[in-house]
């Protein structure tokens, strides 16, 4: 499969939503309460099938996340000569500097 960064992130969100849905359903049907004298009619639930599907989702997510990380570490931005990974770190650092400057600027008082 080929993804853009945005479509890979969308796909990862869909995978996580599917996993969450499976786990919620599992939580709801894995246990049940019977009233005294009530016949047992357990809900349809297959532990092995749910675990297998969750493992499959985790494997897909792991592969996509790994590919995204590799892409960010190997793709160089020609204008800057740094990788996307480095650019993301730089962006966070610059944002921190901006916040610090804003903080200092708000402390300036004119007499």
PDB file of N, CA and C in Angstrom:
ATOM      1  N   UNK A   1       0.830  -1.189   0.000  1.00  0.00           N
ATOM      2  CA  UNK A   1       0.000   0.000   0.000  1.00  0.00           C
ATOM      3  C   UNK A   1       0.867   1.242   0.000  1.00  0.00           C
ATOM      4  N   UNK A   2       0.383   2.267  -0.647  1.00  0.00           N
ATOM      5  CA  UNK A   2       1.066   3.550  -0.609  1.00  0.00           C
ATOM      6  C   UNK A   2       0.149   4.563   0.042  1.00  0.00           C
ATOM      7  N   UNK A   3       0.736   5.369   0.918  1.00  0.00           N
ATOM      8  CA  UNK A   3      -0.008   6.374   1.649  1.00  0.00           C
ATOM      9  C   UNK A   3       0.698   7.712   1.564  1.00  0.00           C
ATOM     10  N   UNK A   4      -0.065   8.763   1.704  1.00  0.00           N
ATOM     11  CA  UNK A   4       0.538  10.046   2.033  1.00  0.00           C
ATOM     12  C   UNK A   4       0.615  10.058   3.555  1.00  0.00           C
ATOM     13  N   UNK A   5       1.331  10.998   4.097  1.00  0.00           N
ATOM     14  CA  UNK A   5       1.422  11.090   5.552  1.00  0.00           C
ATOM     15  C   UNK A   5       0.036  11.280   6.156  1.00  0.00           C
ATOM     16  N   UNK A   6      -0.764  12.148   5.560  1.00  0.00           N
ATOM     17  CA  UNK A   6      -2.111  12.418   6.079  1.00  0.00           C
ATOM     18  C   UNK A   6      -3.003  11.189   5.977  1.00  0.00           C
ATOM     19  N   UNK A   7      -2.949  10.489   4.844  1.00  0.00           N
ATOM     20  CA  UNK A   7      -3.812   9.313   4.697  1.00  0.00           C
ATOM     21  C   UNK A   7      -3.355   8.176   5.616  1.00  0.00           C
ATOM     22  N   UNK A   8      -2.055   8.078   5.865  1.00  0.00           N
ATOM     23  CA  UNK A   8      -1.559   7.067   6.809  1.00  0.00           C
ATOM     24  C   UNK A   8      -2.078   7.351   8.210  1.00  0.00           C
ATOM     25  N   UNK A   9      -2.080   8.627   8.598  1.00  0.00           N
ATOM     26  CA  UNK A   9      -2.594   8.983   9.923  1.00  0.00           C
ATOM     27  C   UNK A   9      -4.096   8.731  10.024  1.00  0.00           C
ATOM     28  N   UNK A  10      -4.829   8.996   8.942  1.00  0.00           N
ATOM     29  CA  UNK A  10      -6.268   8.697   8.920  1.00  0.00           C
ATOM     30  C   UNK A  10      -6.497   7.198   9.075  1.00  0.00           C
ATOM     31  N   UNK A  11      -5.711   6.426   8.353  1.00  0.00           N
ATOM     32  CA  UNK A  11      -5.834   4.969   8.411  1.00  0.00           C
ATOM     33  C   UNK A  11      -5.510   4.468   9.816  1.00  0.00           C
ATOM     34  N   UNK A  12      -4.477   5.032  10.434  1.00  0.00           N
ATOM     35  CA  UNK A  12      -4.133   4.651  11.802  1.00  0.00           C
ATOM     36  C   UNK A  12      -5.279   4.967  12.765  1.00  0.00           C
ATOM     37  N   UNK A  13      -5.936   6.110  12.577  1.00  0.00           N
ATOM     38  CA  UNK A  13      -7.092   6.455  13.425  1.00  0.00           C
ATOM     39  C   UNK A  13      -8.223   5.446  13.234  1.00  0.00           C
ATOM     40  N   UNK A  14      -8.473   5.066  11.973  1.00  0.00           N
ATOM     41  CA  UNK A  14      -9.530   4.072  11.715  1.00  0.00           C
ATOM     42  C   UNK A  14      -9.191   2.738  12.371  1.00  0.00           C
ATOM     43  N   UNK A  15      -7.933   2.338  12.284  1.00  0.00           N
ATOM     44  CA  UNK A  15      -7.520   1.093  12.941  1.00  0.00           C
ATOM     45  C   UNK A  15      -7.742   1.170  14.455  1.00  0.00           C
ATOM     46  N   UNK A  16      -7.371   2.302  15.053  1.00  0.00           N
ATOM     47  CA  UNK A  16      -7.542   2.467  16.495  1.00  0.00           C
ATOM     48  C   UNK A  16      -9.023   2.460  16.869  1.00  0.00           C
ATOM     49  N   UNK A  17      -9.856   3.087  16.057  1.00  0.00           N
ATOM     50  CA  UNK A  17     -11.299   3.084  16.315  1.00  0.00           C
ATOM     51  C   UNK A  17     -11.859   1.669  16.241  1.00  0.00           C
ATOM     52  N   UNK A  18     -11.416   0.892  15.268  1.00  0.00           N
ATOM     53  CA  UNK A  18     -11.852  -0.505  15.139  1.00  0.00           C
ATOM     54  C   UNK A  18     -11.410  -1.315  16.356  1.00  0.00           C
ATOM     55  N   UNK A  19     -10.181  -1.114  16.776  1.00  0.00           N
ATOM     56  CA  UNK A  19      -9.673  -1.830  17.958  1.00  0.00           C
ATOM     57  C   UNK A  19     -10.475  -1.438  19.200  1.00  0.00           C
ATOM     58  N   UNK A  20     -10.721  -0.145  19.373  1.00  0.00           N
ATOM     59  CA  UNK A  20     -11.511   0.327  20.514  1.00  0.00           C
ATOM     60  C   UNK A  20     -12.911  -0.282  20.504  1.00  0.00           C
ATOM     61  N   UNK A  21     -13.524  -0.354  19.303  1.00  0.00           N
ATOM     62  CA  UNK A  21     -14.855  -0.938  19.180  1.00  0.00           C
ATOM     63  C   UNK A  21     -14.847  -2.408  19.591  1.00  0.00           C
ATOM     64  N   UNK A  22     -13.849  -3.137  19.117  1.00  0.00           N
ATOM     65  CA  UNK A  22     -13.725  -4.553  19.492  1.00  0.00           C
ATOM     66  C   UNK A  22     -13.575  -4.722  20.999  1.00  0.00           C
ATOM     67  N   UNK A  23     -12.730  -3.885  21.596  1.00  0.00           N
ATOM     68  CA  UNK A  23     -12.488  -4.002  23.032  1.00  0.00           C
ATOM     69  C   UNK A  23     -13.717  -3.604  23.848  1.00  0.00           C
ATOM     70  N   UNK A  24     -14.476  -2.605  23.376  1.00  0.00           N
ATOM     71  CA  UNK A  24     -15.727  -2.231  24.062  1.00  0.00           C
ATOM     72  C   UNK A  24     -16.732  -3.373  23.986  1.00  0.00           C
ATOM     73  N   UNK A  25     -16.873  -3.942  22.795  1.00  0.00           N
ATOM     74  CA  UNK A  25     -17.792  -5.061  22.615  1.00  0.00           C
ATOM     75  C   UNK A  25     -17.366  -6.233  23.498  1.00  0.00           C
ATOM     76  N   UNK A  26     -16.082  -6.492  23.520  1.00  0.00           N
ATOM     77  CA  UNK A  26     -15.562  -7.567  24.369  1.00  0.00           C
ATOM     78  C   UNK A  26     -15.917  -7.315  25.831  1.00  0.00           C
ATOM     79  N   UNK A  27     -15.744  -6.086  26.284  1.00  0.00           N
ATOM     80  CA  UNK A  27     -16.047  -5.736  27.675  1.00  0.00           C
ATOM     81  C   UNK A  27     -17.528  -5.967  27.980  1.00  0.00           C
ATOM     82  N   UNK A  28     -18.379  -5.624  27.019  1.00  0.00           N
ATOM     83  CA  UNK A  28     -19.822  -5.760  27.227  1.00  0.00           C
ATOM     84  C   UNK A  28     -20.297  -7.207  27.242  1.00  0.00           C
ATOM     85  N   UNK A  29     -19.716  -8.060  26.395  1.00  0.00           N
ATOM     86  CA  UNK A  29     -20.242  -9.420  26.254  1.00  0.00           C
ATOM     87  C   UNK A  29     -19.388 -10.495  26.922  1.00  0.00           C
ATOM     88  N   UNK A  30     -18.239 -10.131  27.448  1.00  0.00           N
ATOM     89  CA  UNK A  30     -17.366 -11.166  28.023  1.00  0.00           C
ATOM     90  C   UNK A  30     -17.864 -11.670  29.369  1.00  0.00           C
ATOM     91  N   UNK A  31     -18.661 -10.882  30.068  1.00  0.00           N
ATOM     92  CA  UNK A  31     -19.249 -11.332  31.336  1.00  0.00           C
ATOM     93  C   UNK A  31     -20.728 -10.974  31.348  1.00  0.00           C
ATOM     94  N   UNK A  32     -21.489 -11.724  32.105  1.00  0.00           N
ATOM     95  CA  UNK A  32     -22.917 -11.451  32.237  1.00  0.00           C
ATOM     96  C   UNK A  32     -23.382 -11.961  33.590  1.00  0.00           C
ATOM     97  N   UNK A  33     -24.517 -11.457  34.025  1.00  0.00           N
ATOM     98  CA  UNK A  33     -25.060 -11.790  35.336  1.00  0.00           C
ATOM     99  C   UNK A  33     -26.369 -12.534  35.148  1.00  0.00           C
ATOM    100  N   UNK A  34     -26.534 -13.585  35.944  1.00  0.00           N
ATOM    101  CA  UNK A  34     -27.777 -14.355  35.909  1.00  0.00           C
ATOM    102  C   UNK A  34     -28.537 -14.143  37.210  1.00  0.00           C
ATOM    103  N   UNK A  35     -29.834 -14.038  37.091  1.00  0.00           N
ATOM    104  CA  UNK A  35     -30.669 -14.011  38.288  1.00  0.00           C
ATOM    105  C   UNK A  35     -30.791 -15.439  38.790  1.00  0.00           C
ATOM    106  N   UNK A  36     -31.104 -15.594  40.058  1.00  0.00           N
ATOM    107  CA  UNK A  36     -31.242 -16.929  40.638  1.00  0.00           C
ATOM    108  C   UNK A  36     -32.306 -17.715  39.885  1.00  0.00           C
ATOM    109  N   UNK A  37     -31.933 -18.903  39.436  1.00  0.00           N
ATOM    110  CA  UNK A  37     -32.846 -19.768  38.717  1.00  0.00           C
ATOM    111  C   UNK A  37     -32.939 -19.486  37.228  1.00  0.00           C
ATOM    112  N   UNK A  38     -32.275 -18.472  36.753  1.00  0.00           N
ATOM    113  CA  UNK A  38     -32.328 -18.112  35.327  1.00  0.00           C
ATOM    114  C   UNK A  38     -31.427 -19.048  34.532  1.00  0.00           C
ATOM    115  N   UNK A  39     -31.892 -19.458  33.365  1.00  0.00           N
ATOM    116  CA  UNK A  39     -31.089 -20.327  32.500  1.00  0.00           C
ATOM    117  C   UNK A  39     -29.972 -19.509  31.866  1.00  0.00           C
ATOM    118  N   UNK A  40     -28.807 -20.127  31.756  1.00  0.00           N
ATOM    119  CA  UNK A  40     -27.644 -19.444  31.184  1.00  0.00           C
ATOM    120  C   UNK A  40     -27.770 -19.370  29.667  1.00  0.00           C
ATOM    121  N   UNK A  41     -27.766 -18.147  29.152  1.00  0.00           N
ATOM    122  CA  UNK A  41     -27.733 -17.898  27.710  1.00  0.00           C
ATOM    123  C   UNK A  41     -26.619 -16.895  27.456  1.00  0.00           C
ATOM    124  N   UNK A  42     -25.381 -17.400  27.432  1.00  0.00           N
ATOM    125  CA  UNK A  42     -24.254 -16.467  27.282  1.00  0.00           C
ATOM    126  C   UNK A  42     -24.288 -15.762  25.929  1.00  0.00           C
ATOM    127  N   UNK A  43     -23.852 -14.503  25.920  1.00  0.00           N
ATOM    128  CA  UNK A  43     -23.778 -13.784  24.643  1.00  0.00           C
ATOM    129  C   UNK A  43     -22.726 -14.420  23.736  1.00  0.00           C
ATOM    130  N   UNK A  44     -22.898 -14.237  22.449  1.00  0.00           N
ATOM    131  CA  UNK A  44     -21.923 -14.772  21.494  1.00  0.00           C
ATOM    132  C   UNK A  44     -20.602 -14.028  21.688  1.00  0.00           C
ATOM    133  N   UNK A  45     -19.573 -14.771  22.007  1.00  0.00           N
ATOM    134  CA  UNK A  45     -18.257 -14.166  22.258  1.00  0.00           C
ATOM    135  C   UNK A  45     -17.199 -15.218  22.018  1.00  0.00           C
ATOM    136  N   UNK A  46     -16.199 -14.872  21.213  1.00  0.00           N
ATOM    137  CA  UNK A  46     -15.103 -15.789  20.923  1.00  0.00           C
ATOM    138  C   UNK A  46     -13.790 -15.093  21.281  1.00  0.00           C
ATOM    139  N   UNK A  47     -13.254 -15.437  22.442  1.00  0.00           N
ATOM    140  CA  UNK A  47     -12.036 -14.800  22.936  1.00  0.00           C
ATOM    141  C   UNK A  47     -10.912 -14.896  21.911  1.00  0.00           C
ATOM    142  N   UNK A  48     -10.690 -16.074  21.355  1.00  0.00           N
ATOM    143  CA  UNK A  48      -9.600 -16.274  20.402  1.00  0.00           C
ATOM    144  C   UNK A  48      -9.737 -15.404  19.164  1.00  0.00           C
ATOM    145  N   UNK A  49     -10.957 -15.309  18.645  1.00  0.00           N
ATOM    146  CA  UNK A  49     -11.189 -14.502  17.444  1.00  0.00           C
ATOM    147  C   UNK A  49     -10.942 -13.017  17.727  1.00  0.00           C
ATOM    148  N   UNK A  50     -11.387 -12.548  18.893  1.00  0.00           N
ATOM    149  CA  UNK A  50     -11.183 -11.136  19.251  1.00  0.00           C
ATOM    150  C   UNK A  50      -9.699 -10.853  19.422  1.00  0.00           C
ATOM    151  N   UNK A  51      -8.978 -11.724  20.118  1.00  0.00           N
ATOM    152  CA  UNK A  51      -7.533 -11.533  20.321  1.00  0.00           C
ATOM    153  C   UNK A  51      -6.797 -11.546  18.988  1.00  0.00           C
ATOM    154  N   UNK A  52      -7.206 -12.439  18.086  1.00  0.00           N
ATOM    155  CA  UNK A  52      -6.566 -12.530  16.772  1.00  0.00           C
ATOM    156  C   UNK A  52      -6.781 -11.240  15.979  1.00  0.00           C
ATOM    157  N   UNK A  53      -8.010 -10.706  16.002  1.00  0.00           N
ATOM    158  CA  UNK A  53      -8.309  -9.469  15.276  1.00  0.00           C
ATOM    159  C   UNK A  53      -7.543  -8.288  15.870  1.00  0.00           C
ATOM    160  N   UNK A  54      -7.458  -8.210  17.209  1.00  0.00           N
ATOM    161  CA  UNK A  54      -6.712  -7.138  17.868  1.00  0.00           C
ATOM    162  C   UNK A  54      -5.228  -7.244  17.497  1.00  0.00           C
ATOM    163  N   UNK A  55      -4.690  -8.443  17.488  1.00  0.00           N
ATOM    164  CA  UNK A  55      -3.282  -8.641  17.117  1.00  0.00           C
ATOM    165  C   UNK A  55      -3.046  -8.231  15.663  1.00  0.00           C
ATOM    166  N   UNK A  56      -3.997  -8.526  14.795  1.00  0.00           N
ATOM    167  CA  UNK A  56      -3.883  -8.140  13.382  1.00  0.00           C
ATOM    168  C   UNK A  56      -3.874  -6.617  13.250  1.00  0.00           C
ATOM    169  N   UNK A  57      -4.771  -5.947  13.949  1.00  0.00           N
ATOM    170  CA  UNK A  57      -4.829  -4.484  13.919  1.00  0.00           C
ATOM    171  C   UNK A  57      -3.529  -3.892  14.451  1.00  0.00           C
ATOM    172  N   UNK A  58      -3.034  -4.431  15.577  1.00  0.00           N
ATOM    173  CA  UNK A  58      -1.777  -3.945  16.147  1.00  0.00           C
ATOM    174  C   UNK A  58      -0.618  -4.119  15.163  1.00  0.00           C
ATOM    175  N   UNK A  59      -0.591  -5.237  14.451  1.00  0.00           N
ATOM    176  CA  UNK A  59       0.468  -5.483  13.475  1.00  0.00           C
ATOM    177  C   UNK A  59       0.423  -4.489  12.325  1.00  0.00           C
ATOM    178  N   UNK A  60      -0.783  -4.204  11.830  1.00  0.00           N
ATOM    179  CA  UNK A  60      -0.929  -3.221  10.749  1.00  0.00           C
ATOM    180  C   UNK A  60      -0.490  -1.839  11.223  1.00  0.00           C
ATOM    181  N   UNK A  61      -0.935  -1.455  12.403  1.00  0.00           N
ATOM    182  CA  UNK A  61      -0.580  -0.130  12.940  1.00  0.00           C
ATOM    183  C   UNK A  61       0.930  -0.016  13.134  1.00  0.00           C
ATOM    184  N   UNK A  62       1.540  -1.077  13.641  1.00  0.00           N
ATOM    185  CA  UNK A  62       2.989  -1.073  13.867  1.00  0.00           C
ATOM    186  C   UNK A  62       3.738  -0.888  12.550  1.00  0.00           C
ATOM    187  N   UNK A  63       3.311  -1.587  11.515  1.00  0.00           N
ATOM    188  CA  UNK A  63       3.978  -1.493  10.209  1.00  0.00           C
ATOM    189  C   UNK A  63       3.840  -0.088   9.617  1.00  0.00           C
ATOM    190  N   UNK A  64       2.663   0.496   9.736  1.00  0.00           N
ATOM    191  CA  UNK A  64       2.443   1.832   9.174  1.00  0.00           C
ATOM    192  C   UNK A  64       3.229   2.878   9.959  1.00  0.00           C
ATOM    193  N   UNK A  65       3.199   2.785  11.290  1.00  0.00           N
ATOM    194  CA  UNK A  65       3.959   3.738  12.113  1.00  0.00           C
ATOM    195  C   UNK A  65       5.460   3.649  11.809  1.00  0.00           C
ATOM    196  N   UNK A  66       5.956   2.436  11.633  1.00  0.00           N
ATOM    197  CA  UNK A  66       7.375   2.246  11.310  1.00  0.00           C
ATOM    198  C   UNK A  66       7.700   2.903   9.964  1.00  0.00           C
ATOM    199  N   UNK A  67       6.833   2.699   8.976  1.00  0.00           N
ATOM    200  CA  UNK A  67       7.057   3.293   7.654  1.00  0.00           C
ATOM    201  C   UNK A  67       7.034   4.820   7.732  1.00  0.00           C
ATOM    202  N   UNK A  68       6.107   5.367   8.521  1.00  0.00           N
ATOM    203  CA  UNK A  68       6.059   6.824   8.697  1.00  0.00           C
ATOM    204  C   UNK A  68       7.343   7.345   9.339  1.00  0.00           C
ATOM    205  N   UNK A  69       7.812   6.653  10.367  1.00  0.00           N
ATOM    206  CA  UNK A  69       9.050   7.078  11.034  1.00  0.00           C
ATOM    207  C   UNK A  69      10.241   7.014  10.077  1.00  0.00           C
ATOM    208  N   UNK A  70      10.323   5.927   9.304  1.00  0.00           N
ATOM    209  CA  UNK A  70      11.420   5.814   8.330  1.00  0.00           C
ATOM    210  C   UNK A  70      11.364   6.950   7.315  1.00  0.00           C
ATOM    211  N   UNK A  71      10.165   7.238   6.817  1.00  0.00           N
ATOM    212  CA  UNK A  71      10.003   8.317   5.844  1.00  0.00           C
ATOM    213  C   UNK A  71      10.482   9.641   6.436  1.00  0.00           C
ATOM    214  N   UNK A  72      10.060   9.933   7.660  1.00  0.00           N
ATOM    215  CA  UNK A  72      10.440  11.200   8.296  1.00  0.00           C
ATOM    216  C   UNK A  72      11.935  11.273   8.576  1.00  0.00           C
ATOM    217  N   UNK A  73      12.563  10.135   8.826  1.00  0.00           N
ATOM    218  CA  UNK A  73      13.995  10.129   9.126  1.00  0.00           C
ATOM    219  C   UNK A  73      14.853  10.165   7.866  1.00  0.00           C
ATOM    220  N   UNK A  74      14.304   9.742   6.729  1.00  0.00           N
ATOM    221  CA  UNK A  74      15.108   9.635   5.503  1.00  0.00           C
ATOM    222  C   UNK A  74      14.849  10.758   4.498  1.00  0.00           C
ATOM    223  N   UNK A  75      13.711  11.413   4.595  1.00  0.00           N
ATOM    224  CA  UNK A  75      13.358  12.428   3.610  1.00  0.00           C
ATOM    225  C   UNK A  75      13.947  13.774   4.015  1.00  0.00           C
ATOM    226  N   UNK A  76      14.786  14.305   3.149  1.00  0.00           N
ATOM    227  CA  UNK A  76      15.470  15.571   3.432  1.00  0.00           C
ATOM    228  C   UNK A  76      14.708  16.715   2.757  1.00  0.00           C
ATOM    229  N   UNK A  77      14.502  17.780   3.514  1.00  0.00           N
ATOM    230  CA  UNK A  77      13.886  18.987   2.974  1.00  0.00           C
ATOM    231  C   UNK A  77      14.979  19.781   2.264  1.00  0.00           C
ATOM    232  N   UNK A  78      14.912  19.901   0.940  1.00  0.00           N
ATOM    233  CA  UNK A  78      16.008  20.514   0.190  1.00  0.00           C
ATOM    234  C   UNK A  78      16.301  21.962   0.583  1.00  0.00           C
ATOM    235  N   UNK A  79      15.270  22.721   0.953  1.00  0.00           N
ATOM    236  CA  UNK A  79      15.495  24.129   1.300  1.00  0.00           C
ATOM    237  C   UNK A  79      16.354  24.281   2.557  1.00  0.00           C
ATOM    238  N   UNK A  80      16.257  23.318   3.437  1.00  0.00           N
ATOM    239  CA  UNK A  80      16.960  23.411   4.724  1.00  0.00           C
ATOM    240  C   UNK A  80      18.112  22.417   4.866  1.00  0.00           C
ATOM    241  N   UNK A  81      18.067  21.349   4.094  1.00  0.00           N
ATOM    242  CA  UNK A  81      19.111  20.330   4.215  1.00  0.00           C
ATOM    243  C   UNK A  81      18.965  19.493   5.478  1.00  0.00           C
ATOM    244  N   UNK A  82      17.760  19.433   6.021  1.00  0.00           N
ATOM    245  CA  UNK A  82      17.510  18.609   7.208  1.00  0.00           C
ATOM    246  C   UNK A  82      16.353  17.662   6.910  1.00  0.00           C
ATOM    247  N   UNK A  83      16.257  16.580   7.687  1.00  0.00           N
ATOM    248  CA  UNK A  83      15.171  15.618   7.491  1.00  0.00           C
ATOM    249  C   UNK A  83      13.871  16.167   8.064  1.00  0.00           C
ATOM    250  N   UNK A  84      12.778  15.539   7.679  1.00  0.00           N
ATOM    251  CA  UNK A  84      11.479  15.930   8.229  1.00  0.00           C
ATOM    252  C   UNK A  84      11.489  15.746   9.737  1.00  0.00           C
ATOM    253  N   UNK A  85      12.103  14.677  10.216  1.00  0.00           N
ATOM    254  CA  UNK A  85      12.206  14.423  11.653  1.00  0.00           C
ATOM    255  C   UNK A  85      12.919  15.577  12.358  1.00  0.00           C
ATOM    256  N   UNK A  86      14.045  16.009  11.797  1.00  0.00           N
ATOM    257  CA  UNK A  86      14.778  17.141  12.370  1.00  0.00           C
ATOM    258  C   UNK A  86      13.940  18.420  12.313  1.00  0.00           C
ATOM    259  N   UNK A  87      13.194  18.598  11.218  1.00  0.00           N
ATOM    260  CA  UNK A  87      12.358  19.788  11.070  1.00  0.00           C
ATOM    261  C   UNK A  87      11.264  19.814  12.134  1.00  0.00           C
ATOM    262  N   UNK A  88      10.695  18.663  12.449  1.00  0.00           N
ATOM    263  CA  UNK A  88       9.669  18.604  13.489  1.00  0.00           C
ATOM    264  C   UNK A  88      10.252  18.963  14.856  1.00  0.00           C
ATOM    265  N   UNK A  89      11.460  18.492  15.122  1.00  0.00           N
ATOM    266  CA  UNK A  89      12.129  18.832  16.383  1.00  0.00           C
ATOM    267  C   UNK A  89      12.443  20.323  16.411  1.00  0.00           C
ATOM    268  N   UNK A  90      12.961  20.837  15.290  1.00  0.00           N
ATOM    269  CA  UNK A  90      13.263  22.268  15.190  1.00  0.00           C
ATOM    270  C   UNK A  90      12.006  23.111  15.396  1.00  0.00           C
ATOM    271  N   UNK A  91      10.896  22.672  14.816  1.00  0.00           N
ATOM    272  CA  UNK A  91       9.636  23.393  14.970  1.00  0.00           C
ATOM    273  C   UNK A  91       9.242  23.491  16.446  1.00  0.00           C
ATOM    274  N   UNK A  92       9.375  22.402  17.178  1.00  0.00           N
ATOM    275  CA  UNK A  92       9.064  22.419  18.610  1.00  0.00           C
ATOM    276  C   UNK A  92      10.017  23.356  19.362  1.00  0.00           C
ATOM    277  N   UNK A  93      11.292  23.337  18.992  1.00  0.00           N
ATOM    278  CA  UNK A  93      12.261  24.214  19.645  1.00  0.00           C
ATOM    279  C   UNK A  93      11.949  25.684  19.363  1.00  0.00           C
ATOM    280  N   UNK A  94      11.637  25.994  18.116  1.00  0.00           N
ATOM    281  CA  UNK A  94      11.306  27.372  17.755  1.00  0.00           C
ATOM    282  C   UNK A  94      10.022  27.834  18.448  1.00  0.00           C
ATOM    283  N   UNK A  95       9.081  26.939  18.585  1.00  0.00           N
ATOM    284  CA  UNK A  95       7.841  27.269  19.288  1.00  0.00           C
ATOM    285  C   UNK A  95       8.135  27.587  20.752  1.00  0.00           C
ATOM    286  N   UNK A  96       9.042  26.815  21.361  1.00  0.00           N
ATOM    287  CA  UNK A  96       9.453  27.095  22.730  1.00  0.00           C
ATOM    288  C   UNK A  96      10.129  28.452  22.855  1.00  0.00           C
ATOM    289  N   UNK A  97      10.978  28.793  21.894  1.00  0.00           N
ATOM    290  CA  UNK A  97      11.645  30.103  21.902  1.00  0.00           C
ATOM    291  C   UNK A  97      10.623  31.234  21.767  1.00  0.00           C
ATOM    292  N   UNK A  98       9.658  31.047  20.870  1.00  0.00           N
ATOM    293  CA  UNK A  98       8.618  32.053  20.671  1.00  0.00           C
ATOM    294  C   UNK A  98       7.827  32.262  21.955  1.00  0.00           C
ATOM    295  N   UNK A  99       7.460  31.171  22.613  1.00  0.00           N
ATOM    296  CA  UNK A  99       6.716  31.278  23.874  1.00  0.00           C
ATOM    297  C   UNK A  99       7.531  32.037  24.918  1.00  0.00           C
ATOM    298  N   UNK A 100       8.836  31.747  24.960  1.00  0.00           N
ATOM    299  CA  UNK A 100       9.710  32.433  25.928  1.00  0.00           C
ATOM    300  C   UNK A 100       9.784  33.922  25.610  1.00  0.00           C
ATOM    301  N   UNK A 101       9.926  34.278  24.339  1.00  0.00           N
ATOM    302  CA  UNK A 101       9.973  35.686  23.942  1.00  0.00           C
ATOM    303  C   UNK A 101       8.650  36.388  24.253  1.00  0.00           C
ATOM    304  N   UNK A 102       7.531  35.717  24.008  1.00  0.00           N
ATOM    305  CA  UNK A 102       6.227  36.296  24.352  1.00  0.00           C
ATOM    306  C   UNK A 102       6.120  36.541  25.850  1.00  0.00           C
ATOM    307  N   UNK A 103       6.637  35.596  26.627  1.00  0.00           N
ATOM    308  CA  UNK A 103       6.620  35.733  28.082  1.00  0.00           C
ATOM    309  C   UNK A 103       7.460  36.930  28.515  1.00  0.00           C
ATOM    310  N   UNK A 104       8.645  37.054  27.937  1.00  0.00           N
ATOM    311  CA  UNK A 104       9.520  38.182  28.270  1.00  0.00           C
ATOM    312  C   UNK A 104       8.905  39.506  27.823  1.00  0.00           C
ATOM    313  N   UNK A 105       8.294  39.508  26.637  1.00  0.00           N
ATOM    314  CA  UNK A 105       7.689  40.738  26.116  1.00  0.00           C
ATOM    315  C   UNK A 105       6.535  41.199  27.001  1.00  0.00           C
ATOM    316  N   UNK A 106       5.818  40.275  27.590  1.00  0.00           N
ATOM    317  CA  UNK A 106       4.694  40.665  28.433  1.00  0.00           C
ATOM    318  C   UNK A 106       5.174  41.235  29.778  1.00  0.00           C
ATOM    319  N   UNK A 107       6.432  41.019  30.098  1.00  0.00           N
ATOM    320  CA  UNK A 107       6.996  41.551  31.348  1.00  0.00           C
ATOM    321  C   UNK A 107       7.566  42.959  31.196  1.00  0.00           C
ATOM    322  N   UNK A 108       7.698  43.409  29.958  1.00  0.00           N
ATOM    323  CA  UNK A 108       8.273  44.740  29.727  1.00  0.00           C
ATOM    324  C   UNK A 108       7.287  45.797  30.212  1.00  0.00           C
ATOM    325  N   UNK A 109       7.783  46.700  31.030  1.00  0.00           N
ATOM    326  CA  UNK A 109       6.943  47.772  31.552  1.00  0.00           C
ATOM    327  C   UNK A 109       7.583  49.117  31.183  1.00  0.00           C
ATOM    328  N   UNK A 110       6.775  50.001  30.742  1.00  0.00           N
ATOM    329  CA  UNK A 110       7.274  51.334  30.384  1.00  0.00           C
ATOM    330  C   UNK A 110       6.932  52.297  31.512  1.00  0.00           C
ATOM    331  N   UNK A 111       7.905  53.124  31.869  1.00  0.00           N
ATOM    332  CA  UNK A 111       7.689  54.066  32.959  1.00  0.00           C
ATOM    333  C   UNK A 111       7.178  55.380  32.469  1.00  0.00           C
TER     334      UNK A 111
END
